[in-house]
């Protein structure tokens, strides 16, 4: 079963590793960076390997069966 999360964006963007930490998907920013480095995180359907990729409103981040929709 897919777990769907929404993240309320408070600025122009959030770095991918911080998004994973703040949504509770990763225990820390370092853990978030490790997940990205493993190639298991995708943004809008594409594998994302940049740990500090700028994630903006309207984008969908996926990790396994977890979906994080970024909203304003």
N, C-alpha and C. Protein backbone atom coordinates (compact mmCIF):
# COMPACT_ATOMS: atom_id res chain seq x y z
N UNK A 1 0.84 -1.20 0.00
CA UNK A 1 0.00 0.00 0.00
C UNK A 1 0.88 1.25 0.00
N UNK A 2 0.53 2.18 -0.83
CA UNK A 2 1.31 3.41 -0.95
C UNK A 2 0.96 4.36 0.19
N UNK A 3 2.00 4.92 0.78
CA UNK A 3 1.82 5.92 1.82
C UNK A 3 1.98 7.29 1.18
N UNK A 4 0.93 8.10 1.22
CA UNK A 4 0.97 9.42 0.59
C UNK A 4 1.12 10.50 1.66
N UNK A 5 2.13 11.34 1.49
CA UNK A 5 2.38 12.44 2.41
C UNK A 5 2.30 13.75 1.64
N UNK A 6 1.92 14.81 2.34
CA UNK A 6 1.98 16.14 1.74
C UNK A 6 2.91 16.98 2.57
N UNK A 7 3.73 17.79 1.90
CA UNK A 7 4.65 18.68 2.60
C UNK A 7 4.33 20.11 2.19
N UNK A 8 4.05 20.95 3.17
CA UNK A 8 3.73 22.36 2.93
C UNK A 8 5.03 23.14 2.78
N UNK A 9 5.25 23.66 1.59
CA UNK A 9 6.47 24.41 1.30
C UNK A 9 6.34 25.83 1.83
N UNK A 10 7.35 26.30 2.56
CA UNK A 10 7.29 27.64 3.15
C UNK A 10 8.15 28.66 2.42
N UNK A 11 8.93 28.21 1.45
CA UNK A 11 9.77 29.13 0.68
C UNK A 11 9.69 28.77 -0.78
N UNK A 12 10.72 29.15 -1.54
CA UNK A 12 10.73 28.85 -2.97
C UNK A 12 11.01 27.38 -3.24
N UNK A 13 11.86 26.78 -2.39
CA UNK A 13 12.23 25.37 -2.58
C UNK A 13 12.72 24.79 -1.27
N UNK A 14 12.89 23.46 -1.25
CA UNK A 14 13.53 22.76 -0.13
C UNK A 14 14.51 21.76 -0.73
N UNK A 15 15.65 21.59 -0.08
CA UNK A 15 16.62 20.62 -0.56
C UNK A 15 16.08 19.21 -0.31
N UNK A 16 16.33 18.32 -1.26
CA UNK A 16 15.78 16.98 -1.21
C UNK A 16 16.10 16.25 0.10
N UNK A 17 17.35 16.28 0.55
CA UNK A 17 17.72 15.58 1.78
C UNK A 17 16.96 16.13 2.99
N UNK A 18 16.72 17.45 3.01
CA UNK A 18 15.97 18.06 4.11
C UNK A 18 14.49 17.68 4.05
N UNK A 19 13.94 17.56 2.84
CA UNK A 19 12.55 17.13 2.69
C UNK A 19 12.36 15.74 3.27
N UNK A 20 13.29 14.84 2.98
CA UNK A 20 13.20 13.47 3.51
C UNK A 20 13.25 13.46 5.03
N UNK A 21 14.08 14.34 5.59
CA UNK A 21 14.20 14.43 7.05
C UNK A 21 12.93 15.01 7.67
N UNK A 22 12.44 16.11 7.11
CA UNK A 22 11.30 16.81 7.71
C UNK A 22 9.99 16.03 7.57
N UNK A 23 9.88 15.16 6.60
CA UNK A 23 8.68 14.33 6.46
C UNK A 23 8.77 13.05 7.27
N UNK A 24 9.93 12.80 7.89
CA UNK A 24 10.09 11.62 8.72
C UNK A 24 10.48 10.37 7.94
N UNK A 25 10.71 10.51 6.64
CA UNK A 25 11.12 9.37 5.82
C UNK A 25 12.54 8.95 6.21
N UNK A 26 13.39 9.95 6.51
CA UNK A 26 14.76 9.69 6.96
C UNK A 26 14.90 10.21 8.38
N UNK A 27 15.71 9.51 9.19
CA UNK A 27 15.90 9.91 10.59
C UNK A 27 16.68 11.21 10.73
N UNK A 28 17.53 11.51 9.74
CA UNK A 28 18.36 12.72 9.80
C UNK A 28 18.68 13.17 8.39
N UNK A 29 19.28 14.36 8.28
CA UNK A 29 19.70 14.85 6.97
C UNK A 29 20.74 13.92 6.36
N UNK A 30 21.61 13.38 7.19
CA UNK A 30 22.63 12.45 6.71
C UNK A 30 22.01 11.17 6.16
N UNK A 31 20.99 10.69 6.85
CA UNK A 31 20.28 9.49 6.37
C UNK A 31 19.57 9.79 5.06
N UNK A 32 19.03 11.00 4.94
CA UNK A 32 18.38 11.41 3.70
C UNK A 32 19.38 11.45 2.55
N UNK A 33 20.57 11.98 2.82
CA UNK A 33 21.62 12.03 1.79
C UNK A 33 22.03 10.63 1.36
N UNK A 34 22.09 9.70 2.32
CA UNK A 34 22.46 8.32 2.01
C UNK A 34 21.41 7.67 1.11
N UNK A 35 20.14 7.92 1.39
CA UNK A 35 19.07 7.36 0.55
C UNK A 35 19.18 7.87 -0.88
N UNK A 36 19.43 9.18 -1.02
CA UNK A 36 19.57 9.77 -2.35
C UNK A 36 20.77 9.17 -3.07
N UNK A 37 21.89 9.02 -2.35
CA UNK A 37 23.12 8.47 -2.94
C UNK A 37 22.92 7.03 -3.41
N UNK A 38 22.03 6.29 -2.74
CA UNK A 38 21.76 4.90 -3.12
C UNK A 38 20.94 4.80 -4.40
N UNK A 39 20.38 5.92 -4.85
CA UNK A 39 19.60 5.91 -6.08
C UNK A 39 18.20 5.36 -5.91
N UNK A 40 17.65 5.46 -4.71
CA UNK A 40 16.31 4.91 -4.45
C UNK A 40 15.23 6.00 -4.36
N UNK A 41 15.63 7.26 -4.59
CA UNK A 41 14.69 8.37 -4.51
C UNK A 41 14.47 8.92 -5.92
N UNK A 42 13.19 9.10 -6.28
CA UNK A 42 12.90 9.70 -7.58
C UNK A 42 12.08 10.97 -7.40
N UNK A 43 12.28 11.90 -8.33
CA UNK A 43 11.55 13.16 -8.35
C UNK A 43 10.84 13.23 -9.70
N UNK A 44 9.53 13.34 -9.66
CA UNK A 44 8.72 13.37 -10.89
C UNK A 44 9.06 12.22 -11.82
N UNK A 45 9.26 11.03 -11.24
CA UNK A 45 9.47 9.83 -12.02
C UNK A 45 10.89 9.56 -12.48
N UNK A 46 11.82 10.46 -12.15
CA UNK A 46 13.22 10.29 -12.55
C UNK A 46 14.09 10.10 -11.30
N UNK A 47 14.99 9.13 -11.35
CA UNK A 47 15.92 8.93 -10.22
C UNK A 47 16.73 10.21 -10.01
N UNK A 48 16.80 10.66 -8.77
CA UNK A 48 17.53 11.89 -8.44
C UNK A 48 18.73 11.54 -7.57
N UNK A 49 19.92 11.89 -8.04
CA UNK A 49 21.15 11.58 -7.30
C UNK A 49 21.77 12.82 -6.66
N UNK A 50 21.19 13.99 -6.88
CA UNK A 50 21.70 15.22 -6.25
C UNK A 50 21.05 15.36 -4.88
N UNK A 51 21.86 15.26 -3.84
CA UNK A 51 21.33 15.29 -2.47
C UNK A 51 20.64 16.60 -2.14
N UNK A 52 21.15 17.69 -2.72
CA UNK A 52 20.59 19.01 -2.42
C UNK A 52 19.77 19.55 -3.60
N UNK A 53 19.19 18.64 -4.38
CA UNK A 53 18.32 19.07 -5.49
C UNK A 53 17.21 19.95 -4.93
N UNK A 54 16.90 21.02 -5.65
CA UNK A 54 15.86 21.95 -5.19
C UNK A 54 14.49 21.40 -5.57
N UNK A 55 13.71 21.09 -4.56
CA UNK A 55 12.36 20.56 -4.76
C UNK A 55 11.38 21.71 -4.57
N UNK A 56 10.53 21.90 -5.58
CA UNK A 56 9.59 23.01 -5.56
C UNK A 56 8.15 22.50 -5.51
N UNK A 57 7.23 23.42 -5.22
CA UNK A 57 5.80 23.08 -5.15
C UNK A 57 5.35 22.41 -6.44
N UNK A 58 4.52 21.38 -6.30
CA UNK A 58 3.99 20.67 -7.45
C UNK A 58 4.78 19.43 -7.82
N UNK A 59 5.95 19.26 -7.21
CA UNK A 59 6.76 18.09 -7.53
C UNK A 59 6.38 16.90 -6.64
N UNK A 60 6.64 15.71 -7.17
CA UNK A 60 6.34 14.47 -6.46
C UNK A 60 7.64 13.72 -6.22
N UNK A 61 7.92 13.44 -4.95
CA UNK A 61 9.12 12.69 -4.57
C UNK A 61 8.67 11.30 -4.15
N UNK A 62 9.32 10.26 -4.68
CA UNK A 62 8.95 8.89 -4.37
C UNK A 62 10.15 8.12 -3.84
N UNK A 63 9.88 7.30 -2.84
CA UNK A 63 10.89 6.44 -2.24
C UNK A 63 10.19 5.15 -1.84
N UNK A 64 10.44 4.08 -2.58
CA UNK A 64 9.73 2.83 -2.31
C UNK A 64 8.25 3.02 -2.47
N UNK A 65 7.49 2.72 -1.41
CA UNK A 65 6.03 2.88 -1.49
C UNK A 65 5.56 4.17 -0.82
N UNK A 66 6.46 5.14 -0.70
CA UNK A 66 6.13 6.43 -0.10
C UNK A 66 6.13 7.51 -1.19
N UNK A 67 5.06 8.29 -1.22
CA UNK A 67 4.96 9.43 -2.14
C UNK A 67 4.87 10.69 -1.31
N UNK A 68 5.69 11.67 -1.65
CA UNK A 68 5.63 12.98 -0.97
C UNK A 68 5.27 14.02 -2.02
N UNK A 69 4.08 14.60 -1.86
CA UNK A 69 3.63 15.67 -2.76
C UNK A 69 3.97 16.99 -2.09
N UNK A 70 4.67 17.86 -2.81
CA UNK A 70 5.07 19.16 -2.27
C UNK A 70 4.02 20.19 -2.70
N UNK A 71 3.43 20.83 -1.71
CA UNK A 71 2.36 21.81 -1.98
C UNK A 71 2.73 23.16 -1.40
N UNK A 72 1.98 24.20 -1.83
CA UNK A 72 2.21 25.54 -1.29
C UNK A 72 1.17 25.88 -0.25
